[in-house]
Every structure is written in C-alpha cells, then in structure tokens.
Amino acid sequence: MRTISSILQIPRCRIQPFSFLQSATPSEKSSQALTKTCPGSYSEPGSNRGTRSRSVSSRFTSIKYSDAEQTKILVTESRELIKDLSGVYVMDLETTGLYDPSKIIEFGARNLLGGKNSCFETLVNPEQYVPNPHVHGITTNMVNQPYVPRMEDLIPILMQYTKNRQVPEGHALFIAHNGRRFDVPFLIKEFYRCNMDIPTNWLFLDTLPLAREYMKLNGQPSSKLSLQALREYFEIPSMGSSHRAMSDVNVLSSIFEKMICDMNLTITDLLERSFKASDLVIASKKNTKKT
C-alpha cells in the first residue's frame, strides 16, 4: 500500500504494463475458463458442502479468517443506504515489485460490515523469486509452498468470500489506499491471467484522493499522504509490521473511519466517488491510442 506513479504507464518496463488490456476481454471467452484455469471451489468455513470444499480449505493453510465488529460509521448508517451492499471491504496487497510483470504475494481484506469470518488474509504463491523482502518481510521461501495458494487458486476462494455475503443485485465496495494506481491494476492483471473479468458489481474507492481532500479541508499540507504518515497524523497505534497486508488493512480501516466521520460522508457519498475496474481498462486503452 504505497504511493507510487501510475502502474498503468511505466515506460521503464521491458514488457508494456498491462498490455493485456488491449486484447479481447476475458468475458468474451468461454464461461468455462475459470474452471479450467483456476481449479477448485470453496464454501464458507465451517460449512458441510462436500469433501472438495473441505479439501481446498484444508490444503491452503496460509488462508486465515477472523471475526470483526461492524465499524461505527456503518452502525450509524440507515439500513436503506447499505441494504444493497454485500460488503464494504478495506483491502491491501503486497507484491514482488511496483511494475508489471510483478505479482501479488499477499492479500488481506476486512469487511467493515463485520460478522463471522469478516476478515480474510493469505500469502499468495507467485511461483517465482521474491526480490524485495526488505520492503515487506515476505521471502521466497515463505510463499513458494504447496500450502500457499497461487492466484489461480485464490480467485475462486476470494469470489466465494464476497459471494457468501452478497445480496441480490448488491455491490461490493473495496477500499484501498492508492488503489486506482496500484491495488486495482494488479487485481485486473491477475484476473486476466485466469481468463476472468473482475465482477461488474465490484466497486473500488481510492482513499488517497480522499485523504488529499481531507487535508485541504483542514488546512493541512498534502505532501505526506502515505499510509504510515496518515497513521501518525491521526495518532493511530501501530498494528504490526507495515507493508504486511492485514496490518495495513487494520490501519487503513481506522484512518478511513476517522476521515469519514470528520468529513460527515455517507455511503452514498462514497459510492459517488467509487469506480469500476472497467473504468481503468477503458482509460488505459484511450491513453494507448493517444500515445
């Protein structure tokens, strides 16, 4: 969760960043693609929906669930405003680098609606060398293990994690710091590798411009907007090692709640600031044509 220049436009990379966005979208391919490329299914932990679900769950022991209370800001929201949301997820991911073809090596999420198994975290096996353990403390040996899911394995589990809380025609709102330039492009790339589109009912909110807006309203300089700088500004205690997914998720959850309360923003306000993964794909294609 770092503030970086756009991952969609990095001229230093030998492989054009996200060049896969220029080809046919995964939705134009067979609906069987996920089954072939990303095998396995998953059920809510503790359910009894067959041996396959249990074997998938037990195989990847790096996957951890935990419970959390509903965040205070959502407790005060009227049910009418949040009834169409299957979840409000603060998320974070760690990677082998900043630019394509780097891969995700850790994913964490916390559903601010709370409840059983509302927190989800796991290492991710990139099936390659991890060159930057000095950043996050994640080594090659930690992730290149059979009990750590590859993205091919993780995507259907992640889809089920949100689906189990889904309401008919509801949306899932994912919140990430610098998500527009970092987290979401990485997710798009990984879903693409599995011949899948990110679900159209997934919305994303980037807290970086929100923090910039907050600082401006409070007459504060907006030069220090990293997650750790914001943690110190809001006097939030450290919650573990920085640049580890679940630690950063918990820090961002606290920062997000403080900003929203002080700015008096509602779920409707947040949804108006959100974007879809397809918005980034369209913007990337337009920029490529201009270039």
Protein backbone atom coordinates (compact mmCIF):
# COMPACT_ATOMS: atom_id res chain seq x y z
CA MET A 1 0.00 0.00 0.00
CA ARG A 2 2.39 2.65 -1.24
CA THR A 3 2.03 5.96 -3.06
CA ILE A 4 3.61 5.48 -6.48
CA SER A 5 3.29 6.77 -10.01
CA SER A 6 0.69 5.15 -12.21
CA ILE A 7 1.30 1.48 -12.69
CA LEU A 8 -0.60 1.76 -15.95
CA GLN A 9 2.06 3.99 -17.52
CA ILE A 10 5.60 2.86 -16.69
CA PRO A 11 7.99 3.32 -19.65
CA ARG A 12 10.90 1.61 -17.85
CA CYS A 13 9.31 -1.83 -18.06
CA ARG A 14 10.51 -4.04 -20.90
CA ILE A 15 7.02 -5.53 -21.17
CA GLN A 16 4.43 -2.82 -21.74
CA PRO A 17 2.50 -2.51 -18.47
CA PHE A 18 -0.93 -4.10 -18.75
CA SER A 19 -0.63 -4.61 -22.47
CA PHE A 20 -3.10 -7.47 -21.95
CA LEU A 21 -5.80 -4.78 -21.65
CA GLN A 22 -5.60 -4.24 -25.40
CA SER A 23 -6.70 -7.76 -26.32
CA ALA A 24 -10.11 -9.35 -26.09
CA THR A 25 -11.73 -9.10 -22.67
CA PRO A 26 -11.96 -12.33 -20.67
CA SER A 27 -15.75 -12.12 -20.71
CA GLU A 28 -15.62 -12.73 -24.45
CA LYS A 29 -14.04 -16.10 -23.80
CA SER A 30 -15.63 -19.30 -22.63
CA SER A 31 -17.52 -19.17 -19.35
CA GLN A 32 -15.71 -22.40 -18.53
CA ALA A 33 -12.33 -20.67 -18.43
CA LEU A 34 -12.21 -20.24 -14.67
CA THR A 35 -12.90 -23.91 -14.10
CA LYS A 36 -10.08 -24.87 -16.44
CA THR A 37 -7.52 -22.27 -15.41
CA CYS A 38 -8.36 -21.75 -11.75
CA PRO A 39 -9.49 -25.16 -10.48
CA GLY A 40 -11.17 -25.71 -7.16
CA SER A 41 -14.22 -24.49 -5.32
CA TYR A 42 -14.80 -23.10 -1.89
CA SER A 43 -17.50 -22.89 0.73
CA GLU A 44 -17.82 -20.72 3.80
CA PRO A 45 -15.55 -22.03 6.58
CA GLY A 46 -17.43 -24.41 8.81
CA SER A 47 -19.96 -25.43 6.15
CA ASN A 48 -20.58 -29.02 5.10
CA ARG A 49 -20.88 -28.65 1.36
CA GLY A 50 -18.81 -31.60 0.23
CA THR A 51 -15.35 -33.04 0.52
CA ARG A 52 -13.93 -30.92 -2.28
CA SER A 53 -14.69 -27.68 -0.46
CA ARG A 54 -13.14 -29.03 2.73
CA SER A 55 -10.06 -30.29 0.89
CA VAL A 56 -9.49 -26.89 -0.74
CA SER A 57 -9.85 -25.15 2.61
CA SER A 58 -7.51 -27.53 4.40
CA ARG A 59 -4.95 -27.60 1.62
CA PHE A 60 -4.15 -23.89 1.76
CA THR A 61 -3.37 -23.42 5.43
CA SER A 62 -1.98 -19.92 4.81
CA ILE A 63 -5.58 -18.70 4.41
CA LYS A 64 -6.87 -17.26 7.67
CA TYR A 65 -10.26 -15.93 8.69
CA SER A 66 -11.20 -13.92 11.75
CA ASP A 67 -14.21 -12.05 13.10
CA ALA A 68 -14.66 -8.30 13.47
CA GLU A 69 -17.32 -5.96 14.76
CA GLN A 70 -19.18 -3.66 12.39
CA THR A 71 -17.36 -0.35 12.15
CA LYS A 72 -19.05 2.54 13.95
CA ILE A 73 -19.63 4.62 10.85
CA LEU A 74 -21.74 1.88 9.28
CA VAL A 75 -23.67 1.28 12.51
CA THR A 76 -24.99 4.84 12.24
CA GLU A 77 -25.95 4.50 8.58
CA SER A 78 -29.59 3.75 7.83
CA ARG A 79 -30.28 0.24 6.61
CA GLU A 80 -31.79 1.80 3.48
CA LEU A 81 -28.36 3.12 2.46
CA ILE A 82 -26.41 -0.09 2.98
CA LYS A 83 -29.01 -2.70 2.14
CA ASP A 84 -27.69 -3.03 -1.43
CA LEU A 85 -24.09 -3.62 -0.29
CA SER A 86 -22.82 -7.16 0.14
CA GLY A 87 -19.76 -5.76 1.84
CA VAL A 88 -17.55 -2.73 2.41
CA TYR A 89 -14.06 -4.21 2.26
CA VAL A 90 -10.85 -2.45 3.19
CA MET A 91 -8.17 -4.33 1.25
CA ASP A 92 -4.44 -4.37 0.75
CA LEU A 93 -1.98 -6.43 -1.21
CA GLU A 94 1.78 -6.87 -1.30
CA THR A 95 3.71 -7.61 -4.48
CA THR A 96 7.11 -8.64 -5.84
CA GLY A 97 7.55 -5.11 -7.21
CA LEU A 98 5.78 -1.97 -8.36
CA TYR A 99 5.53 -2.64 -12.07
CA ASP A 100 4.24 -5.30 -14.44
CA PRO A 101 5.18 -8.20 -14.59
CA SER A 102 5.37 -8.17 -10.77
CA LYS A 103 2.94 -10.46 -8.96
CA ILE A 104 0.81 -10.40 -5.83
CA ILE A 105 2.31 -12.24 -2.84
CA GLU A 106 -0.13 -11.31 -0.07
CA PHE A 107 -3.77 -10.29 0.11
CA GLY A 108 -5.84 -9.06 3.05
CA ALA A 109 -9.37 -7.74 3.41
CA ARG A 110 -11.73 -6.72 6.20
CA ASN A 111 -15.46 -6.34 5.76
CA LEU A 112 -16.47 -3.22 7.68
CA LEU A 113 -19.99 -4.62 7.98
CA GLY A 114 -18.43 -7.05 10.44
CA GLY A 115 -19.55 -10.51 11.47
CA LYS A 116 -18.18 -14.03 11.41
CA ASN A 117 -15.17 -14.59 9.15
CA SER A 118 -15.35 -10.96 8.04
CA CYS A 119 -11.53 -10.71 7.89
CA PHE A 120 -9.61 -12.63 5.22
CA GLU A 121 -5.84 -12.87 4.72
CA THR A 122 -3.36 -15.09 2.96
CA LEU A 123 0.06 -15.23 1.40
CA VAL A 124 -0.01 -15.84 -2.36
CA ASN A 125 2.40 -18.09 -4.24
CA PRO A 126 3.82 -16.15 -7.21
CA GLU A 127 5.80 -19.22 -8.41
CA GLN A 128 8.84 -17.01 -8.79
CA TYR A 129 11.66 -15.41 -6.84
CA VAL A 130 10.70 -12.59 -4.46
CA PRO A 131 13.32 -9.84 -4.96
CA ASN A 132 12.10 -7.32 -2.37
CA PRO A 133 11.73 -8.94 1.09
CA HIS A 134 13.37 -5.81 2.53
CA VAL A 135 10.10 -3.97 1.80
CA HIS A 136 7.54 -6.28 3.39
CA GLY A 137 9.50 -9.09 5.04
CA ILE A 138 7.98 -11.74 2.76
CA THR A 139 10.61 -14.14 1.43
CA THR A 140 10.63 -16.55 -1.50
CA ASN A 141 10.60 -19.50 0.89
CA MET A 142 7.52 -18.17 2.69
CA VAL A 143 5.34 -18.06 -0.43
CA ASN A 144 6.66 -20.78 -2.75
CA GLN A 145 5.00 -23.52 -0.75
CA PRO A 146 2.22 -26.02 -1.61
CA TYR A 147 0.05 -24.75 1.27
CA VAL A 148 0.10 -21.20 -0.14
CA PRO A 149 -2.49 -20.62 -2.92
CA ARG A 150 -1.50 -19.26 -6.31
CA MET A 151 -3.73 -16.54 -7.71
CA GLU A 152 -5.29 -19.25 -9.87
CA ASP A 153 -6.38 -20.95 -6.66
CA LEU A 154 -7.18 -17.81 -4.71
CA ILE A 155 -9.53 -16.07 -7.13
CA PRO A 156 -12.44 -18.53 -6.78
CA ILE A 157 -11.94 -18.53 -2.98
CA LEU A 158 -11.97 -14.74 -2.93
CA MET A 159 -15.07 -14.67 -5.13
CA GLN A 160 -16.80 -17.02 -2.69
CA TYR A 161 -15.69 -14.88 0.27
CA THR A 162 -17.68 -11.96 -1.14
CA LYS A 163 -20.47 -14.07 -2.63
CA ASN A 164 -21.35 -15.60 0.73
CA ARG A 165 -22.31 -12.13 1.94
CA GLN A 166 -23.89 -10.99 -1.30
CA VAL A 167 -27.41 -9.62 -1.53
CA PRO A 168 -29.38 -9.87 -4.78
CA GLU A 169 -28.08 -7.27 -7.24
CA GLY A 170 -25.91 -5.87 -4.47
CA HIS A 171 -22.49 -4.26 -4.80
CA ALA A 172 -19.24 -4.97 -3.01
CA LEU A 173 -17.22 -1.83 -2.28
CA PHE A 174 -13.44 -2.34 -1.98
CA ILE A 175 -11.38 0.39 -0.33
CA ALA A 176 -7.62 0.70 -0.86
CA HIS A 177 -5.00 3.40 -0.38
CA ASN A 178 -3.70 4.41 -3.82
CA GLY A 179 -5.99 1.69 -5.13
CA ARG A 180 -6.59 3.33 -8.51
CA ARG A 181 -2.90 3.23 -9.45
CA PHE A 182 -1.69 0.19 -7.56
CA ASP A 183 -4.04 -2.38 -5.99
CA VAL A 184 -6.80 -2.43 -8.60
CA PRO A 185 -4.49 -2.62 -11.66
CA PHE A 186 -2.74 -5.58 -10.04
CA LEU A 187 -6.07 -7.31 -9.45
CA ILE A 188 -7.10 -6.66 -13.05
CA LYS A 189 -3.90 -8.26 -14.27
CA GLU A 190 -4.26 -11.35 -12.09
CA PHE A 191 -7.91 -11.86 -13.02
CA TYR A 192 -6.95 -11.51 -16.67
CA ARG A 193 -4.32 -14.23 -16.33
CA CYS A 194 -7.14 -16.51 -15.14
CA ASN A 195 -9.33 -15.56 -18.12
CA MET A 196 -11.71 -13.71 -15.83
CA ASP A 197 -13.14 -10.22 -15.52
CA ILE A 198 -13.44 -8.62 -12.12
CA PRO A 199 -17.18 -8.86 -11.30
CA THR A 200 -19.18 -5.88 -12.50
CA ASN A 201 -20.78 -5.50 -9.07
CA TRP A 202 -17.36 -4.82 -7.51
CA LEU A 203 -16.74 -1.12 -6.91
CA PHE A 204 -13.49 0.47 -5.73
CA LEU A 205 -12.70 3.54 -3.64
CA ASP A 206 -9.24 5.08 -3.50
CA THR A 207 -8.52 6.70 -0.12
CA LEU A 208 -5.52 8.66 -1.43
CA PRO A 209 -7.59 11.44 -3.09
CA LEU A 210 -9.94 11.24 -0.11
CA ALA A 211 -7.01 11.95 2.23
CA ARG A 212 -5.90 14.80 -0.02
CA GLU A 213 -9.40 16.26 0.16
CA TYR A 214 -9.43 15.84 3.95
CA MET A 215 -6.12 17.66 4.40
CA LYS A 216 -7.26 20.53 2.17
CA LEU A 217 -10.46 20.96 4.17
CA ASN A 218 -8.43 21.11 7.38
CA GLY A 219 -5.79 23.49 6.02
CA GLN A 220 -3.05 20.89 6.28
CA PRO A 221 -0.24 20.22 3.77
CA SER A 222 -0.99 17.32 1.49
CA SER A 223 2.60 16.31 0.82
CA LYS A 224 2.64 13.41 3.30
CA LEU A 225 -0.22 11.09 2.44
CA SER A 226 1.38 7.67 2.77
CA LEU A 227 -0.43 5.19 4.98
CA GLN A 228 2.16 5.49 7.75
CA ALA A 229 2.16 9.30 7.56
CA LEU A 230 -1.62 9.29 7.93
CA ARG A 231 -1.39 6.81 10.81
CA GLU A 232 0.91 9.20 12.65
CA TYR A 233 -1.25 12.21 11.79
CA PHE A 234 -4.36 10.57 13.25
CA GLU A 235 -2.33 9.19 16.19
CA ILE A 236 -3.31 5.60 15.47
CA PRO A 237 -1.21 2.98 17.30
CA SER A 238 0.96 0.69 15.20
CA MET A 239 -0.87 -2.53 14.33
CA GLY A 240 2.04 -4.75 13.36
CA SER A 241 4.63 -4.59 10.63
CA SER A 242 3.98 -2.01 7.93
CA HIS A 243 3.68 -3.31 4.39
CA ARG A 244 2.00 -6.52 5.56
CA ALA A 245 -1.47 -6.85 4.14
CA MET A 246 -3.62 -7.36 7.24
CA SER A 247 -1.65 -4.87 9.32
CA ASP A 248 -2.13 -2.21 6.65
CA VAL A 249 -5.81 -3.16 6.30
CA ASN A 250 -6.41 -2.54 10.01
CA VAL A 251 -4.53 0.77 9.92
CA LEU A 252 -6.45 1.95 6.86
CA SER A 253 -9.75 0.89 8.45
CA SER A 254 -9.05 3.23 11.38
CA ILE A 255 -7.88 6.07 9.14
CA PHE A 256 -10.89 5.65 6.87
CA GLU A 257 -13.32 5.78 9.77
CA LYS A 258 -11.76 8.96 11.16
CA MET A 259 -11.80 10.72 7.78
CA ILE A 260 -15.39 9.73 7.02
CA CYS A 261 -16.64 10.81 10.42
CA ASP A 262 -14.86 14.18 10.28
CA MET A 263 -15.99 14.83 6.70
CA ASN A 264 -19.52 13.65 7.51
CA LEU A 265 -19.64 11.42 4.43
CA THR A 266 -22.33 8.80 3.87
CA ILE A 267 -22.30 5.55 1.95
CA THR A 268 -23.97 7.43 -0.91
CA ASP A 269 -21.07 9.91 -0.94
CA LEU A 270 -18.57 7.05 -1.06
CA LEU A 271 -20.36 5.29 -3.89
CA GLU A 272 -20.31 8.52 -5.90
CA ARG A 273 -16.51 8.58 -5.51
CA SER A 274 -16.10 4.93 -6.48
CA PHE A 275 -15.04 3.44 -9.81
CA LYS A 276 -15.16 0.09 -11.58
CA ALA A 277 -12.25 -1.98 -12.85
CA SER A 278 -13.60 -1.47 -16.37
CA ASP A 279 -13.09 2.29 -15.97
CA LEU A 280 -9.33 1.72 -15.70
CA VAL A 281 -9.33 -0.61 -18.69
CA ILE A 282 -11.14 1.97 -20.84
CA ALA A 283 -8.83 4.76 -19.68
CA SER A 284 -5.76 2.65 -20.43
CA LYS A 285 -6.94 1.93 -23.96
CA LYS A 286 -7.64 5.63 -24.59
CA ASN A 287 -4.17 6.61 -23.35
CA THR A 288 -2.59 3.95 -25.58
CA LYS A 289 -4.40 5.32 -28.65
CA LYS A 290 -3.22 8.86 -27.84
CA THR A 291 0.36 7.66 -27.48
